[in-house]
Amino acid sequence: MADEGDTEEKKKLESIEEELRYNKEVLDDMESLISALIYKERRANDEVQEARRQLFTAFKDSSANICVKRMGELDGKPFMNAVKVKYGHGGADLMHH
């Protein structure tokens, strides 16, 4: 009977060792994926920074007036001008109501 208990324990141990090997493989795969993603993120960030430097260099000597607006904020003047051109001043009044 002692042999049956030992055999049962060996099977449990082998099962645990197999699961451990599988989990280690999964962990190694995840670490590789994370490393690849970090590399890509850094590379993309470098590209964005280079584009930013080029834009600053290009507009440094320019007399262009460039404004930055918050996301979602719109300037209504171009729309109103387009409505006035298409529908006359009466159409622009309708836009205000």
PDB file of N, CA and C in Angstrom:
ATOM      1  N   MET A   1       0.802  -1.186   0.000  1.00  0.00           N
ATOM      2  CA  MET A   1       0.000   0.000   0.000  1.00  0.00           C
ATOM      3  C   MET A   1       0.856   1.266   0.000  1.00  0.00           C
ATOM      4  N   ALA A   2       2.040   1.165   0.571  1.00  0.00           N
ATOM      5  CA  ALA A   2       2.929   2.318   0.592  1.00  0.00           C
ATOM      6  C   ALA A   2       3.335   2.687  -0.824  1.00  0.00           C
ATOM      7  N   ASP A   3       3.470   1.677  -1.693  1.00  0.00           N
ATOM      8  CA  ASP A   3       3.840   1.937  -3.076  1.00  0.00           C
ATOM      9  C   ASP A   3       2.736   2.704  -3.813  1.00  0.00           C
ATOM     10  N   GLU A   4       1.481   2.384  -3.527  1.00  0.00           N
ATOM     11  CA  GLU A   4       0.359   3.086  -4.163  1.00  0.00           C
ATOM     12  C   GLU A   4       0.358   4.562  -3.762  1.00  0.00           C
ATOM     13  N   GLY A   5       0.626   4.861  -2.489  1.00  0.00           N
ATOM     14  CA  GLY A   5       0.685   6.251  -2.016  1.00  0.00           C
ATOM     15  C   GLY A   5       1.827   7.002  -2.660  1.00  0.00           C
ATOM     16  N   ASP A   6       2.975   6.313  -2.789  1.00  0.00           N
ATOM     17  CA  ASP A   6       4.131   6.946  -3.425  1.00  0.00           C
ATOM     18  C   ASP A   6       3.852   7.228  -4.896  1.00  0.00           C
ATOM     19  N   THR A   7       3.203   6.286  -5.561  1.00  0.00           N
ATOM     20  CA  THR A   7       2.870   6.456  -6.975  1.00  0.00           C
ATOM     21  C   THR A   7       1.911   7.634  -7.159  1.00  0.00           C
ATOM     22  N   GLU A   8       0.948   7.720  -6.277  1.00  0.00           N
ATOM     23  CA  GLU A   8      -0.027   8.819  -6.323  1.00  0.00           C
ATOM     24  C   GLU A   8       0.682  10.157  -6.111  1.00  0.00           C
ATOM     25  N   GLU A   9       1.591  10.212  -5.168  1.00  0.00           N
ATOM     26  CA  GLU A   9       2.335  11.439  -4.881  1.00  0.00           C
ATOM     27  C   GLU A   9       3.235  11.810  -6.058  1.00  0.00           C
ATOM     28  N   LYS A  10       3.856  10.813  -6.698  1.00  0.00           N
ATOM     29  CA  LYS A  10       4.723  11.066  -7.846  1.00  0.00           C
ATOM     30  C   LYS A  10       3.908  11.639  -9.003  1.00  0.00           C
ATOM     31  N   LYS A  11       2.699  11.114  -9.225  1.00  0.00           N
ATOM     32  CA  LYS A  11       1.826  11.630 -10.288  1.00  0.00           C
ATOM     33  C   LYS A  11       1.443  13.072 -10.018  1.00  0.00           C
ATOM     34  N   LYS A  12       1.113  13.388  -8.752  1.00  0.00           N
ATOM     35  CA  LYS A  12       0.772  14.766  -8.391  1.00  0.00           C
ATOM     36  C   LYS A  12       1.968  15.679  -8.618  1.00  0.00           C
ATOM     37  N   LEU A  13       3.163  15.205  -8.199  1.00  0.00           N
ATOM     38  CA  LEU A  13       4.376  15.999  -8.356  1.00  0.00           C
ATOM     39  C   LEU A  13       4.679  16.225  -9.837  1.00  0.00           C
ATOM     40  N   GLU A  14       4.545  15.191 -10.664  1.00  0.00           N
ATOM     41  CA  GLU A  14       4.778  15.326 -12.100  1.00  0.00           C
ATOM     42  C   GLU A  14       3.773  16.294 -12.726  1.00  0.00           C
ATOM     43  N   SER A  15       2.545  16.213 -12.282  1.00  0.00           N
ATOM     44  CA  SER A  15       1.508  17.114 -12.786  1.00  0.00           C
ATOM     45  C   SER A  15       1.838  18.561 -12.425  1.00  0.00           C
ATOM     46  N   ILE A  16       2.264  18.773 -11.196  1.00  0.00           N
ATOM     47  CA  ILE A  16       2.622  20.126 -10.748  1.00  0.00           C
ATOM     48  C   ILE A  16       3.838  20.627 -11.520  1.00  0.00           C
ATOM     49  N   GLU A  17       4.838  19.764 -11.736  1.00  0.00           N
ATOM     50  CA  GLU A  17       6.029  20.150 -12.484  1.00  0.00           C
ATOM     51  C   GLU A  17       5.681  20.496 -13.929  1.00  0.00           C
ATOM     52  N   GLU A  18       4.791  19.726 -14.541  1.00  0.00           N
ATOM     53  CA  GLU A  18       4.355  20.006 -15.912  1.00  0.00           C
ATOM     54  C   GLU A  18       3.629  21.347 -15.986  1.00  0.00           C
ATOM     55  N   GLU A  19       2.768  21.594 -15.044  1.00  0.00           N
ATOM     56  CA  GLU A  19       2.044  22.870 -15.000  1.00  0.00           C
ATOM     57  C   GLU A  19       3.020  24.022 -14.790  1.00  0.00           C
ATOM     58  N   LEU A  20       4.016  23.810 -13.962  1.00  0.00           N
ATOM     59  CA  LEU A  20       5.037  24.824 -13.714  1.00  0.00           C
ATOM     60  C   LEU A  20       5.827  25.123 -14.990  1.00  0.00           C
ATOM     61  N   ARG A  21       6.210  24.086 -15.741  1.00  0.00           N
ATOM     62  CA  ARG A  21       6.917  24.281 -17.013  1.00  0.00           C
ATOM     63  C   ARG A  21       6.051  25.062 -17.999  1.00  0.00           C
ATOM     64  N   TYR A  22       4.784  24.690 -18.074  1.00  0.00           N
ATOM     65  CA  TYR A  22       3.854  25.397 -18.974  1.00  0.00           C
ATOM     66  C   TYR A  22       3.740  26.875 -18.579  1.00  0.00           C
ATOM     67  N   ASN A  23       3.557  27.133 -17.297  1.00  0.00           N
ATOM     68  CA  ASN A  23       3.430  28.515 -16.827  1.00  0.00           C
ATOM     69  C   ASN A  23       4.706  29.312 -17.083  1.00  0.00           C
ATOM     70  N   LYS A  24       5.873  28.664 -16.963  1.00  0.00           N
ATOM     71  CA  LYS A  24       7.131  29.338 -17.243  1.00  0.00           C
ATOM     72  C   LYS A  24       7.215  29.706 -18.720  1.00  0.00           C
ATOM     73  N   GLU A  25       6.779  28.801 -19.594  1.00  0.00           N
ATOM     74  CA  GLU A  25       6.762  29.101 -21.027  1.00  0.00           C
ATOM     75  C   GLU A  25       5.843  30.284 -21.325  1.00  0.00           C
ATOM     76  N   VAL A  26       4.670  30.276 -20.716  1.00  0.00           N
ATOM     77  CA  VAL A  26       3.721  31.378 -20.918  1.00  0.00           C
ATOM     78  C   VAL A  26       4.335  32.686 -20.428  1.00  0.00           C
ATOM     79  N   LEU A  27       4.974  32.641 -19.270  1.00  0.00           N
ATOM     80  CA  LEU A  27       5.615  33.832 -18.710  1.00  0.00           C
ATOM     81  C   LEU A  27       6.729  34.328 -19.629  1.00  0.00           C
ATOM     82  N   ASP A  28       7.540  33.417 -20.144  1.00  0.00           N
ATOM     83  CA  ASP A  28       8.608  33.801 -21.069  1.00  0.00           C
ATOM     84  C   ASP A  28       8.034  34.448 -22.327  1.00  0.00           C
ATOM     85  N   ASP A  29       6.950  33.874 -22.853  1.00  0.00           N
ATOM     86  CA  ASP A  29       6.298  34.455 -24.034  1.00  0.00           C
ATOM     87  C   ASP A  29       5.778  35.855 -23.741  1.00  0.00           C
ATOM     88  N   MET A  30       5.178  36.030 -22.578  1.00  0.00           N
ATOM     89  CA  MET A  30       4.650  37.344 -22.206  1.00  0.00           C
ATOM     90  C   MET A  30       5.778  38.357 -22.042  1.00  0.00           C
ATOM     91  N   GLU A  31       6.876  37.936 -21.448  1.00  0.00           N
ATOM     92  CA  GLU A  31       8.012  38.840 -21.288  1.00  0.00           C
ATOM     93  C   GLU A  31       8.567  39.258 -22.642  1.00  0.00           C
ATOM     94  N   SER A  32       8.618  38.332 -23.591  1.00  0.00           N
ATOM     95  CA  SER A  32       9.077  38.660 -24.942  1.00  0.00           C
ATOM     96  C   SER A  32       8.133  39.659 -25.605  1.00  0.00           C
ATOM     97  N   LEU A  33       6.841  39.436 -25.451  1.00  0.00           N
ATOM     98  CA  LEU A  33       5.850  40.348 -26.025  1.00  0.00           C
ATOM     99  C   LEU A  33       5.967  41.730 -25.405  1.00  0.00           C
ATOM    100  N   ILE A  34       6.113  41.785 -24.106  1.00  0.00           N
ATOM    101  CA  ILE A  34       6.245  43.075 -23.419  1.00  0.00           C
ATOM    102  C   ILE A  34       7.496  43.800 -23.897  1.00  0.00           C
ATOM    103  N   SER A  35       8.592  43.075 -24.036  1.00  0.00           N
ATOM    104  CA  SER A  35       9.835  43.689 -24.525  1.00  0.00           C
ATOM    105  C   SER A  35       9.644  44.257 -25.930  1.00  0.00           C
ATOM    106  N   ALA A  36       8.968  43.505 -26.785  1.00  0.00           N
ATOM    107  CA  ALA A  36       8.722  43.969 -28.153  1.00  0.00           C
ATOM    108  C   ALA A  36       7.835  45.214 -28.147  1.00  0.00           C
ATOM    109  N   LEU A  37       6.816  45.221 -27.301  1.00  0.00           N
ATOM    110  CA  LEU A  37       5.921  46.378 -27.231  1.00  0.00           C
ATOM    111  C   LEU A  37       6.641  47.608 -26.683  1.00  0.00           C
ATOM    112  N   ILE A  38       7.486  47.412 -25.698  1.00  0.00           N
ATOM    113  CA  ILE A  38       8.253  48.533 -25.148  1.00  0.00           C
ATOM    114  C   ILE A  38       9.182  49.096 -26.223  1.00  0.00           C
ATOM    115  N   TYR A  39       9.824  48.219 -26.980  1.00  0.00           N
ATOM    116  CA  TYR A  39      10.703  48.660 -28.060  1.00  0.00           C
ATOM    117  C   TYR A  39       9.925  49.485 -29.088  1.00  0.00           C
ATOM    118  N   LYS A  40       8.761  48.976 -29.501  1.00  0.00           N
ATOM    119  CA  LYS A  40       7.947  49.695 -30.486  1.00  0.00           C
ATOM    120  C   LYS A  40       7.475  51.039 -29.944  1.00  0.00           C
ATOM    121  N   GLU A  41       7.084  51.062 -28.672  1.00  0.00           N
ATOM    122  CA  GLU A  41       6.606  52.315 -28.064  1.00  0.00           C
ATOM    123  C   GLU A  41       7.736  53.337 -28.026  1.00  0.00           C
ATOM    124  N   ARG A  42       8.925  52.918 -27.659  1.00  0.00           N
ATOM    125  CA  ARG A  42      10.072  53.840 -27.614  1.00  0.00           C
ATOM    126  C   ARG A  42      10.416  54.344 -29.004  1.00  0.00           C
ATOM    127  N   ARG A  43      10.362  53.439 -29.976  1.00  0.00           N
ATOM    128  CA  ARG A  43      10.658  53.829 -31.347  1.00  0.00           C
ATOM    129  C   ARG A  43       9.627  54.842 -31.864  1.00  0.00           C
ATOM    130  N   ALA A  44       8.359  54.585 -31.591  1.00  0.00           N
ATOM    131  CA  ALA A  44       7.299  55.516 -32.008  1.00  0.00           C
ATOM    132  C   ALA A  44       7.483  56.863 -31.310  1.00  0.00           C
ATOM    133  N   ASN A  45       7.833  56.836 -30.035  1.00  0.00           N
ATOM    134  CA  ASN A  45       8.055  58.073 -29.300  1.00  0.00           C
ATOM    135  C   ASN A  45       9.225  58.850 -29.897  1.00  0.00           C
ATOM    136  N   ASP A  46      10.287  58.148 -30.260  1.00  0.00           N
ATOM    137  CA  ASP A  46      11.428  58.807 -30.905  1.00  0.00           C
ATOM    138  C   ASP A  46      11.005  59.462 -32.213  1.00  0.00           C
ATOM    139  N   GLU A  47      10.166  58.784 -32.998  1.00  0.00           N
ATOM    140  CA  GLU A  47       9.689  59.347 -34.262  1.00  0.00           C
ATOM    141  C   GLU A  47       8.843  60.601 -34.020  1.00  0.00           C
ATOM    142  N   VAL A  48       8.002  60.550 -33.002  1.00  0.00           N
ATOM    143  CA  VAL A  48       7.167  61.715 -32.681  1.00  0.00           C
ATOM    144  C   VAL A  48       8.041  62.884 -32.237  1.00  0.00           C
ATOM    145  N   GLN A  49       9.032  62.612 -31.410  1.00  0.00           N
ATOM    146  CA  GLN A  49       9.924  63.675 -30.945  1.00  0.00           C
ATOM    147  C   GLN A  49      10.711  64.278 -32.109  1.00  0.00           C
ATOM    148  N   GLU A  50      11.156  63.447 -33.041  1.00  0.00           N
ATOM    149  CA  GLU A  50      11.882  63.949 -34.209  1.00  0.00           C
ATOM    150  C   GLU A  50      10.966  64.816 -35.072  1.00  0.00           C
ATOM    151  N   ALA A  51       9.732  64.380 -35.287  1.00  0.00           N
ATOM    152  CA  ALA A  51       8.770  65.181 -36.053  1.00  0.00           C
ATOM    153  C   ALA A  51       8.505  66.505 -35.348  1.00  0.00           C
ATOM    154  N   ARG A  52       8.412  66.464 -34.037  1.00  0.00           N
ATOM    155  CA  ARG A  52       8.190  67.690 -33.247  1.00  0.00           C
ATOM    156  C   ARG A  52       9.360  68.657 -33.433  1.00  0.00           C
ATOM    157  N   ARG A  53      10.598  68.130 -33.354  1.00  0.00           N
ATOM    158  CA  ARG A  53      11.781  68.977 -33.542  1.00  0.00           C
ATOM    159  C   ARG A  53      11.782  69.593 -34.939  1.00  0.00           C
ATOM    160  N   GLN A  54      11.426  68.795 -35.943  1.00  0.00           N
ATOM    161  CA  GLN A  54      11.398  69.310 -37.314  1.00  0.00           C
ATOM    162  C   GLN A  54      10.350  70.401 -37.472  1.00  0.00           C
ATOM    163  N   LEU A  55       9.183  70.215 -36.845  1.00  0.00           N
ATOM    164  CA  LEU A  55       8.145  71.249 -36.921  1.00  0.00           C
ATOM    165  C   LEU A  55       8.605  72.542 -36.267  1.00  0.00           C
ATOM    166  N   PHE A  56       9.216  72.428 -35.082  1.00  0.00           N
ATOM    167  CA  PHE A  56       9.707  73.634 -34.414  1.00  0.00           C
ATOM    168  C   PHE A  56      10.769  74.326 -35.260  1.00  0.00           C
ATOM    169  N   THR A  57      11.641  73.542 -35.883  1.00  0.00           N
ATOM    170  CA  THR A  57      12.677  74.117 -36.731  1.00  0.00           C
ATOM    171  C   THR A  57      12.059  74.799 -37.950  1.00  0.00           C
ATOM    172  N   ALA A  58      11.074  74.158 -38.556  1.00  0.00           N
ATOM    173  CA  ALA A  58      10.443  74.711 -39.759  1.00  0.00           C
ATOM    174  C   ALA A  58       9.685  76.001 -39.462  1.00  0.00           C
ATOM    175  N   PHE A  59       9.025  76.052 -38.308  1.00  0.00           N
ATOM    176  CA  PHE A  59       8.214  77.228 -37.995  1.00  0.00           C
ATOM    177  C   PHE A  59       8.957  78.257 -37.152  1.00  0.00           C
ATOM    178  N   LYS A  60      10.185  77.965 -36.780  1.00  0.00           N
ATOM    179  CA  LYS A  60      10.956  78.875 -35.930  1.00  0.00           C
ATOM    180  C   LYS A  60      11.164  80.218 -36.617  1.00  0.00           C
ATOM    181  N   ASP A  61      11.548  80.163 -37.879  1.00  0.00           N
ATOM    182  CA  ASP A  61      11.828  81.388 -38.618  1.00  0.00           C
ATOM    183  C   ASP A  61      10.615  81.899 -39.378  1.00  0.00           C
ATOM    184  N   SER A  62       9.499  81.225 -39.277  1.00  0.00           N
ATOM    185  CA  SER A  62       8.297  81.598 -40.009  1.00  0.00           C
ATOM    186  C   SER A  62       7.532  82.666 -39.239  1.00  0.00           C
ATOM    187  N   SER A  63       6.814  83.466 -39.971  1.00  0.00           N
ATOM    188  CA  SER A  63       5.984  84.481 -39.326  1.00  0.00           C
ATOM    189  C   SER A  63       4.536  83.990 -39.199  1.00  0.00           C
ATOM    190  N   ALA A  64       4.327  82.703 -39.437  1.00  0.00           N
ATOM    191  CA  ALA A  64       2.982  82.132 -39.362  1.00  0.00           C
ATOM    192  C   ALA A  64       2.473  82.190 -37.930  1.00  0.00           C
ATOM    193  N   ASN A  65       1.201  82.520 -37.802  1.00  0.00           N
ATOM    194  CA  ASN A  65       0.566  82.569 -36.493  1.00  0.00           C
ATOM    195  C   ASN A  65      -0.198  81.255 -36.310  1.00  0.00           C
ATOM    196  N   ILE A  66       0.356  80.363 -35.504  1.00  0.00           N
ATOM    197  CA  ILE A  66      -0.259  79.057 -35.298  1.00  0.00           C
ATOM    198  C   ILE A  66      -0.825  79.018 -33.889  1.00  0.00           C
ATOM    199  N   CYS A  67      -2.102  78.700 -33.805  1.00  0.00           N
ATOM    200  CA  CYS A  67      -2.765  78.640 -32.505  1.00  0.00           C
ATOM    201  C   CYS A  67      -3.115  77.183 -32.192  1.00  0.00           C
ATOM    202  N   VAL A  68      -3.143  76.895 -30.932  1.00  0.00           N
ATOM    203  CA  VAL A  68      -3.510  75.563 -30.483  1.00  0.00           C
ATOM    204  C   VAL A  68      -4.812  75.676 -29.711  1.00  0.00           C
ATOM    205  N   LYS A  69      -5.757  74.811 -30.022  1.00  0.00           N
ATOM    206  CA  LYS A  69      -7.041  74.817 -29.332  1.00  0.00           C
ATOM    207  C   LYS A  69      -7.215  73.521 -28.586  1.00  0.00           C
ATOM    208  N   ARG A  70      -8.077  73.573 -27.613  1.00  0.00           N
ATOM    209  CA  ARG A  70      -8.380  72.353 -26.880  1.00  0.00           C
ATOM    210  C   ARG A  70      -9.191  71.418 -27.754  1.00  0.00           C
ATOM    211  N   MET A  71      -9.027  70.136 -27.498  1.00  0.00           N
ATOM    212  CA  MET A  71      -9.726  69.116 -28.275  1.00  0.00           C
ATOM    213  C   MET A  71     -11.242  69.337 -28.192  1.00  0.00           C
ATOM    214  N   GLY A  72     -11.886  69.359 -29.330  1.00  0.00           N
ATOM    215  CA  GLY A  72     -13.329  69.506 -29.367  1.00  0.00           C
ATOM    216  C   GLY A  72     -13.788  70.952 -29.467  1.00  0.00           C
ATOM    217  N   GLU A  73     -12.899  71.889 -29.271  1.00  0.00           N
ATOM    218  CA  GLU A  73     -13.256  73.308 -29.329  1.00  0.00           C
ATOM    219  C   GLU A  73     -13.263  73.752 -30.791  1.00  0.00           C
ATOM    220  N   LEU A  74     -14.336  74.383 -31.228  1.00  0.00           N
ATOM    221  CA  LEU A  74     -14.452  74.823 -32.614  1.00  0.00           C
ATOM    222  C   LEU A  74     -14.602  76.331 -32.679  1.00  0.00           C
ATOM    223  N   ASP A  75     -14.074  76.904 -33.743  1.00  0.00           N
ATOM    224  CA  ASP A  75     -14.247  78.321 -34.019  1.00  0.00           C
ATOM    225  C   ASP A  75     -15.431  78.432 -34.979  1.00  0.00           C
ATOM    226  N   GLY A  76     -16.466  79.105 -34.559  1.00  0.00           N
ATOM    227  CA  GLY A  76     -17.685  79.198 -35.352  1.00  0.00           C
ATOM    228  C   GLY A  76     -17.606  80.161 -36.516  1.00  0.00           C
ATOM    229  N   LYS A  77     -16.618  81.054 -36.545  1.00  0.00           N
ATOM    230  CA  LYS A  77     -16.535  82.064 -37.605  1.00  0.00           C
ATOM    231  C   LYS A  77     -16.457  81.473 -39.011  1.00  0.00           C
ATOM    232  N   PRO A  78     -15.621  80.480 -39.264  1.00  0.00           N
ATOM    233  CA  PRO A  78     -15.582  79.930 -40.634  1.00  0.00           C
ATOM    234  C   PRO A  78     -16.921  79.326 -41.060  1.00  0.00           C
ATOM    235  N   PHE A  79     -17.625  78.705 -40.123  1.00  0.00           N
ATOM    236  CA  PHE A  79     -18.938  78.144 -40.442  1.00  0.00           C
ATOM    237  C   PHE A  79     -19.943  79.248 -40.752  1.00  0.00           C
ATOM    238  N   MET A  80     -19.917  80.285 -39.944  1.00  0.00           N
ATOM    239  CA  MET A  80     -20.852  81.397 -40.159  1.00  0.00           C
ATOM    240  C   MET A  80     -20.563  82.080 -41.493  1.00  0.00           C
ATOM    241  N   ASN A  81     -19.296  82.257 -41.821  1.00  0.00           N
ATOM    242  CA  ASN A  81     -18.946  82.875 -43.110  1.00  0.00           C
ATOM    243  C   ASN A  81     -19.427  82.024 -44.274  1.00  0.00           C
ATOM    244  N   ALA A  82     -19.284  80.709 -44.161  1.00  0.00           N
ATOM    245  CA  ALA A  82     -19.746  79.813 -45.227  1.00  0.00           C
ATOM    246  C   ALA A  82     -21.259  79.876 -45.371  1.00  0.00           C
ATOM    247  N   VAL A  83     -21.991  79.964 -44.250  1.00  0.00           N
ATOM    248  CA  VAL A  83     -23.452  80.060 -44.302  1.00  0.00           C
ATOM    249  C   VAL A  83     -23.856  81.383 -44.938  1.00  0.00           C
ATOM    250  N   LYS A  84     -23.166  82.457 -44.592  1.00  0.00           N
ATOM    251  CA  LYS A  84     -23.478  83.769 -45.178  1.00  0.00           C
ATOM    252  C   LYS A  84     -23.255  83.766 -46.680  1.00  0.00           C
ATOM    253  N   VAL A  85     -22.178  83.117 -47.115  1.00  0.00           N
ATOM    254  CA  VAL A  85     -21.876  83.057 -48.547  1.00  0.00           C
ATOM    255  C   VAL A  85     -22.940  82.247 -49.266  1.00  0.00           C
ATOM    256  N   LYS A  86     -23.343  81.132 -48.676  1.00  0.00           N
ATOM    257  CA  LYS A  86     -24.284  80.251 -49.353  1.00  0.00           C
ATOM    258  C   LYS A  86     -25.723  80.740 -49.260  1.00  0.00           C
ATOM    259  N   TYR A  87     -26.138  81.212 -48.084  1.00  0.00           N
ATOM    260  CA  TYR A  87     -27.544  81.564 -47.872  1.00  0.00           C
ATOM    261  C   TYR A  87     -27.786  83.045 -47.656  1.00  0.00           C
ATOM    262  N   GLY A  88     -26.772  83.856 -47.657  1.00  0.00           N
ATOM    263  CA  GLY A  88     -26.935  85.261 -47.393  1.00  0.00           C
ATOM    264  C   GLY A  88     -26.996  85.502 -45.892  1.00  0.00           C
ATOM    265  N   HIS A  89     -27.201  86.721 -45.490  1.00  0.00           N
ATOM    266  CA  HIS A  89     -27.209  87.068 -44.059  1.00  0.00           C
ATOM    267  C   HIS A  89     -28.396  86.465 -43.319  1.00  0.00           C
ATOM    268  N   GLY A  90     -29.481  86.168 -43.996  1.00  0.00           N
ATOM    269  CA  GLY A  90     -30.644  85.563 -43.375  1.00  0.00           C
ATOM    270  C   GLY A  90     -30.347  84.155 -42.866  1.00  0.00           C
ATOM    271  N   GLY A  91     -29.539  83.399 -43.580  1.00  0.00           N
ATOM    272  CA  GLY A  91     -29.185  82.054 -43.166  1.00  0.00           C
ATOM    273  C   GLY A  91     -28.328  82.069 -41.911  1.00  0.00           C
ATOM    274  N   ALA A  92     -27.492  83.075 -41.798  1.00  0.00           N
ATOM    275  CA  ALA A  92     -26.635  83.171 -40.616  1.00  0.00           C
ATOM    276  C   ALA A  92     -27.476  83.465 -39.382  1.00  0.00           C
ATOM    277  N   ASP A  93     -28.556  84.231 -39.551  1.00  0.00           N
ATOM    278  CA  ASP A  93     -29.433  84.517 -38.416  1.00  0.00           C
ATOM    279  C   ASP A  93     -30.118  83.239 -37.935  1.00  0.00           C
ATOM    280  N   LEU A  94     -30.457  82.349 -38.854  1.00  0.00           N
ATOM    281  CA  LEU A  94     -31.088  81.094 -38.476  1.00  0.00           C
ATOM    282  C   LEU A  94     -30.137  80.217 -37.653  1.00  0.00           C
ATOM    283  N   MET A  95     -28.851  80.321 -37.911  1.00  0.00           N
ATOM    284  CA  MET A  95     -27.866  79.512 -37.190  1.00  0.00           C
ATOM    285  C   MET A  95     -27.781  79.921 -35.724  1.00  0.00           C
ATOM    286  N   HIS A  96     -28.057  81.174 -35.419  1.00  0.00           N
ATOM    287  CA  HIS A  96     -27.984  81.650 -34.033  1.00  0.00           C
ATOM    288  C   HIS A  96     -29.164  81.191 -33.203  1.00  0.00           C
ATOM    289  N   HIS A  97     -30.272  80.865 -33.810  1.00  0.00           N
ATOM    290  CA  HIS A  97     -31.481  80.515 -33.051  1.00  0.00           C
ATOM    291  C   HIS A  97     -31.548  79.093 -32.753  1.00  0.00           C
TER     292      HIS A  97
END
